[in-house]
Amino acid sequence: MELSAILLVAFVVLLTGVSKSAFAGALGVFAVPLLMLKFSAVDAITLMLPLLIVADSMSVKSFWKKWDVALLRSLIPGAVVGIVIANLTMDLINSEYLRFTVAMICIVFAIKSLWFKKTSLSFLNHRLGAYVMSALSGLSSTLVHAGGPPIIMYFSAIGLPRTQFVATAAAFFAVMNLAKLVGALSLGLLSADVALTALAFVPIAFLGNWLGIKINGKLNKALFLRIMNYLLLLLGLWLLIQ
């Protein structure tokens, strides 16, 4: 691997580590497009999966048992359904339309949350809301690698406290990425070379995790939620540009 590619992977790993432990994985949408500057789409996606799992394990350890157990129980079944639907209908769903839909939902939600705070989204603050948004997360994660925005929107809508927000997101994505790993292994997409390459960047993932925890600890709940909504707006615009 040439030096420029090594530096790019190192930056993506650092960004992923910070994102997972500071902003509930909100910056993860940028990871695959950045890797595609030096790698093919398939190689970028395949390399990103073990890197995500490494970052997930560190975030889970850092926020151990600080997640909302009841909320996780309501989220994971929907995510599994979304992943299964994505794999069964991969040839039928237009990924561009799905990306556009997720982008517009992000933008509308962020604008509402930032500038029309009195408008209530009570339909999300419900068990059905958890199921729908987690299913959308599983679907969009599998097809367009943008599983973060639906969960971030849902957690923001229910006003989840900062630590529980990040901890629950970390546990949720850890489970979901392990489910995706099973699929990748069954399809023979994950080689020993890719796994070893991911392991080589573990020290940088540790650094990203440490920086993310430091950043997260300096944010109060109001500022954290405001940042998350600005990130959703940015993610929506990014997905539209893509």
Protein backbone atom coordinates (compact mmCIF):
# COMPACT_ATOMS: atom_id res chain seq x y z
CA MET A 1 0.00 0.00 0.00
CA GLU A 2 1.45 3.37 -1.01
CA LEU A 3 2.07 6.11 1.56
CA SER A 4 -0.85 8.31 0.44
CA ALA A 5 -3.25 5.37 0.85
CA ILE A 6 -1.84 4.58 4.31
CA LEU A 7 -2.29 8.21 5.40
CA LEU A 8 -5.84 8.25 4.04
CA VAL A 9 -6.81 5.07 5.90
CA ALA A 10 -5.19 6.44 9.07
CA PHE A 11 -7.24 9.64 8.80
CA VAL A 12 -10.48 7.70 8.21
CA VAL A 13 -9.76 5.45 11.21
CA LEU A 14 -9.06 8.49 13.42
CA LEU A 15 -12.23 10.20 12.19
CA THR A 16 -14.27 7.03 12.82
CA GLY A 17 -12.90 6.65 16.35
CA VAL A 18 -13.71 10.26 17.24
CA SER A 19 -17.12 9.99 15.59
CA LYS A 20 -18.09 6.81 17.45
CA SER A 21 -17.14 8.04 20.93
CA ALA A 22 -18.06 11.72 20.60
CA PHE A 23 -20.93 12.00 18.12
CA ALA A 24 -22.62 8.56 18.05
CA GLY A 25 -21.05 7.68 14.69
CA ALA A 26 -22.52 10.70 12.88
CA LEU A 27 -19.39 11.21 10.76
CA GLY A 28 -19.37 7.61 9.55
CA VAL A 29 -21.15 8.58 6.33
CA PHE A 30 -17.93 10.22 5.14
CA ALA A 31 -15.73 7.13 5.67
CA VAL A 32 -16.44 5.07 2.53
CA PRO A 33 -16.46 8.07 0.11
CA LEU A 34 -13.09 9.17 1.54
CA LEU A 35 -11.60 5.68 1.13
CA MET A 36 -12.88 5.61 -2.45
CA LEU A 37 -10.37 8.37 -3.25
CA LYS A 38 -7.73 5.60 -3.23
CA PHE A 39 -9.66 2.32 -3.29
CA SER A 40 -12.42 0.79 -5.39
CA ALA A 41 -15.94 0.89 -3.96
CA VAL A 42 -15.89 -2.82 -3.03
CA ASP A 43 -12.43 -2.57 -1.43
CA ALA A 44 -13.43 0.57 0.49
CA ILE A 45 -16.60 -1.04 1.85
CA THR A 46 -14.84 -4.30 2.71
CA LEU A 47 -11.98 -2.53 4.50
CA MET A 48 -14.36 -0.25 6.38
CA LEU A 49 -16.35 -3.07 7.99
CA PRO A 50 -13.56 -4.48 10.24
CA LEU A 51 -12.43 -0.92 11.02
CA LEU A 52 -15.96 -0.09 12.16
CA ILE A 53 -16.08 -3.21 14.32
CA VAL A 54 -12.78 -2.25 15.98
CA ALA A 55 -14.11 1.28 16.64
CA ASP A 56 -17.41 -0.19 17.89
CA SER A 57 -15.63 -2.45 20.39
CA MET A 58 -13.67 0.49 21.80
CA SER A 59 -16.76 2.70 22.12
CA VAL A 60 -18.73 -0.11 23.77
CA LYS A 61 -15.90 -0.64 26.27
CA SER A 62 -15.63 3.11 26.96
CA PHE A 63 -19.37 3.44 27.61
CA TRP A 64 -19.91 -0.02 29.12
CA LYS A 65 -23.44 -0.51 30.52
CA LYS A 66 -24.28 3.19 30.13
CA TRP A 67 -26.69 2.42 27.30
CA ASP A 68 -30.47 2.26 27.58
CA VAL A 69 -31.23 -1.48 27.65
CA ALA A 70 -34.96 -1.12 27.01
CA LEU A 71 -34.29 1.15 24.06
CA LEU A 72 -31.78 -1.29 22.58
CA ARG A 73 -34.34 -4.09 22.84
CA SER A 74 -36.78 -2.02 20.81
CA LEU A 75 -34.16 -1.04 18.20
CA ILE A 76 -32.34 -4.27 17.36
CA PRO A 77 -35.31 -6.25 15.91
CA GLY A 78 -36.07 -3.40 13.49
CA ALA A 79 -32.41 -3.20 12.42
CA VAL A 80 -32.31 -6.93 11.73
CA VAL A 81 -35.50 -6.65 9.64
CA GLY A 82 -33.96 -3.74 7.71
CA ILE A 83 -30.75 -5.69 6.98
CA VAL A 84 -32.71 -8.76 5.86
CA ILE A 85 -34.97 -6.67 3.59
CA ALA A 86 -31.91 -4.94 2.11
CA ASN A 87 -30.21 -8.26 1.31
CA LEU A 88 -33.37 -9.80 -0.16
CA THR A 89 -34.30 -6.78 -2.30
CA MET A 90 -30.83 -5.45 -3.18
CA ASP A 91 -31.53 -5.74 -6.91
CA LEU A 92 -34.95 -4.11 -6.62
CA ILE A 93 -34.29 -1.01 -4.49
CA ASN A 94 -32.79 2.00 -6.26
CA SER A 95 -29.93 3.05 -3.98
CA GLU A 96 -29.95 6.60 -5.37
CA TYR A 97 -33.61 7.08 -4.42
CA LEU A 98 -32.91 5.65 -0.96
CA ARG A 99 -29.93 7.98 -0.48
CA PHE A 100 -32.05 10.95 -1.62
CA THR A 101 -34.85 9.97 0.79
CA VAL A 102 -32.47 9.66 3.76
CA ALA A 103 -30.85 12.99 2.80
CA MET A 104 -34.17 14.84 2.68
CA ILE A 105 -35.31 13.34 6.00
CA CYS A 106 -32.02 14.49 7.58
CA ILE A 107 -32.36 18.03 6.22
CA VAL A 108 -36.03 18.44 7.18
CA PHE A 109 -35.47 17.01 10.66
CA ALA A 110 -32.40 19.20 11.28
CA ILE A 111 -34.16 22.36 10.12
CA LYS A 112 -37.15 21.54 12.32
CA SER A 113 -34.97 20.82 15.36
CA LEU A 114 -32.76 23.88 14.94
CA TRP A 115 -35.22 26.58 13.89
CA PHE A 116 -38.74 25.26 14.55
CA LYS A 117 -38.29 23.74 18.00
CA LYS A 118 -41.94 24.17 18.98
CA THR A 119 -43.02 21.77 16.24
CA SER A 120 -43.46 18.36 17.85
CA LEU A 121 -42.55 15.03 16.24
CA SER A 122 -44.54 12.99 18.72
CA PHE A 123 -44.95 10.08 16.27
CA LEU A 124 -41.24 9.33 16.71
CA ASN A 125 -41.44 9.26 20.50
CA HIS A 126 -43.11 5.88 20.46
CA ARG A 127 -42.13 2.20 20.26
CA LEU A 128 -43.27 2.12 16.62
CA GLY A 129 -40.97 5.09 15.92
CA ALA A 130 -38.03 3.10 17.30
CA TYR A 131 -38.91 0.13 15.11
CA VAL A 132 -39.35 2.19 11.91
CA MET A 133 -36.18 4.26 12.37
CA SER A 134 -34.03 1.26 13.31
CA ALA A 135 -35.34 -0.65 10.27
CA LEU A 136 -34.51 2.36 8.08
CA SER A 137 -31.05 2.40 9.68
CA GLY A 138 -30.47 -1.28 8.87
CA LEU A 139 -31.76 -0.80 5.32
CA SER A 140 -29.73 2.35 4.57
CA SER A 141 -26.62 1.00 6.32
CA THR A 142 -26.62 -2.10 4.13
CA LEU A 143 -27.43 -0.40 0.83
CA VAL A 144 -25.94 3.11 0.99
CA HIS A 145 -23.71 2.92 4.11
CA ALA A 146 -25.68 5.63 5.89
CA GLY A 147 -27.17 3.86 8.90
CA GLY A 148 -26.31 6.61 11.37
CA PRO A 149 -28.74 9.41 10.43
CA PRO A 150 -32.03 7.57 11.17
CA ILE A 151 -30.85 6.53 14.66
CA ILE A 152 -29.41 9.97 15.39
CA MET A 153 -32.72 11.54 14.37
CA TYR A 154 -34.66 9.20 16.62
CA PHE A 155 -32.38 9.75 19.64
CA SER A 156 -32.53 13.51 19.09
CA ALA A 157 -36.33 13.44 18.82
CA ILE A 158 -36.74 11.63 22.14
CA GLY A 159 -34.13 13.88 23.81
CA LEU A 160 -31.84 11.06 24.93
CA PRO A 161 -29.18 12.31 27.41
CA ARG A 162 -25.67 12.76 25.97
CA THR A 163 -23.97 9.74 27.56
CA GLN A 164 -26.89 7.39 26.88
CA PHE A 165 -27.10 8.76 23.33
CA VAL A 166 -23.50 7.78 22.50
CA ALA A 167 -23.49 4.56 24.55
CA THR A 168 -26.75 3.24 23.07
CA ALA A 169 -25.64 4.15 19.55
CA ALA A 170 -22.31 2.37 20.12
CA ALA A 171 -24.01 -0.84 21.29
CA PHE A 172 -26.61 -0.65 18.51
CA PHE A 173 -24.06 -0.26 15.71
CA ALA A 174 -21.80 -2.91 17.24
CA VAL A 175 -24.63 -5.44 16.94
CA MET A 176 -25.58 -4.26 13.46
CA ASN A 177 -22.02 -4.34 12.10
CA LEU A 178 -21.50 -7.84 13.50
CA ALA A 179 -24.64 -8.90 11.64
CA LYS A 180 -23.21 -7.35 8.46
CA LEU A 181 -19.90 -9.15 9.12
CA VAL A 182 -21.70 -12.50 9.00
CA GLY A 183 -23.05 -11.54 5.58
CA ALA A 184 -19.63 -10.41 4.33
CA LEU A 185 -17.98 -13.64 5.50
CA SER A 186 -20.68 -15.79 3.93
CA LEU A 187 -20.14 -14.01 0.59
CA GLY A 188 -16.36 -14.38 0.87
CA LEU A 189 -15.80 -10.61 0.75
CA LEU A 190 -13.55 -10.37 3.82
CA SER A 191 -10.08 -11.77 3.18
CA ALA A 192 -7.25 -12.34 5.65
CA ASP A 193 -5.31 -9.46 4.02
CA VAL A 194 -8.14 -7.02 4.66
CA ALA A 195 -8.49 -8.17 8.28
CA LEU A 196 -4.73 -7.79 8.87
CA THR A 197 -4.75 -4.33 7.27
CA ALA A 198 -7.54 -3.27 9.63
CA LEU A 199 -5.63 -4.64 12.65
CA ALA A 200 -2.58 -2.58 11.70
CA PHE A 201 -4.57 0.62 12.29
CA VAL A 202 -5.88 -0.36 15.74
CA PRO A 203 -3.49 2.06 17.58
CA ILE A 204 -4.96 4.98 15.59
CA ALA A 205 -8.47 3.77 16.45
CA PHE A 206 -7.46 3.90 20.13
CA LEU A 207 -6.31 7.51 19.66
CA GLY A 208 -9.58 8.44 17.92
CA ASN A 209 -11.59 6.81 20.71
CA TRP A 210 -9.62 8.72 23.38
CA LEU A 211 -10.06 12.05 21.58
CA GLY A 212 -13.77 11.41 21.10
CA ILE A 213 -14.32 10.69 24.79
CA LYS A 214 -12.47 13.92 25.70
CA ILE A 215 -14.63 15.93 23.29
CA ASN A 216 -17.85 14.29 24.44
CA GLY A 217 -17.08 14.98 28.09
CA LYS A 218 -16.89 18.73 27.45
CA LEU A 219 -20.39 18.98 25.95
CA ASN A 220 -23.59 19.55 27.93
CA LYS A 221 -26.83 18.00 26.70
CA ALA A 222 -28.17 21.13 24.93
CA LEU A 223 -24.92 21.80 23.08
CA PHE A 224 -24.53 18.12 22.21
CA LEU A 225 -28.02 17.93 20.67
CA ARG A 226 -27.44 21.18 18.76
CA ILE A 227 -24.19 19.80 17.33
CA MET A 228 -25.93 16.55 16.38
CA ASN A 229 -28.62 18.45 14.49
CA TYR A 230 -26.05 20.54 12.61
CA LEU A 231 -24.25 17.31 11.74
CA LEU A 232 -27.53 15.85 10.45
CA LEU A 233 -27.97 18.92 8.23
CA LEU A 234 -24.40 18.48 6.95
CA LEU A 235 -24.94 14.75 6.38
CA GLY A 236 -28.15 15.41 4.46
CA LEU A 237 -26.43 17.91 2.18
CA TRP A 238 -23.48 15.52 1.73
CA LEU A 239 -25.78 12.65 0.74
CA LEU A 240 -27.54 14.92 -1.78
CA ILE A 241 -24.22 15.93 -3.34
CA GLN A 242 -23.20 12.28 -3.64
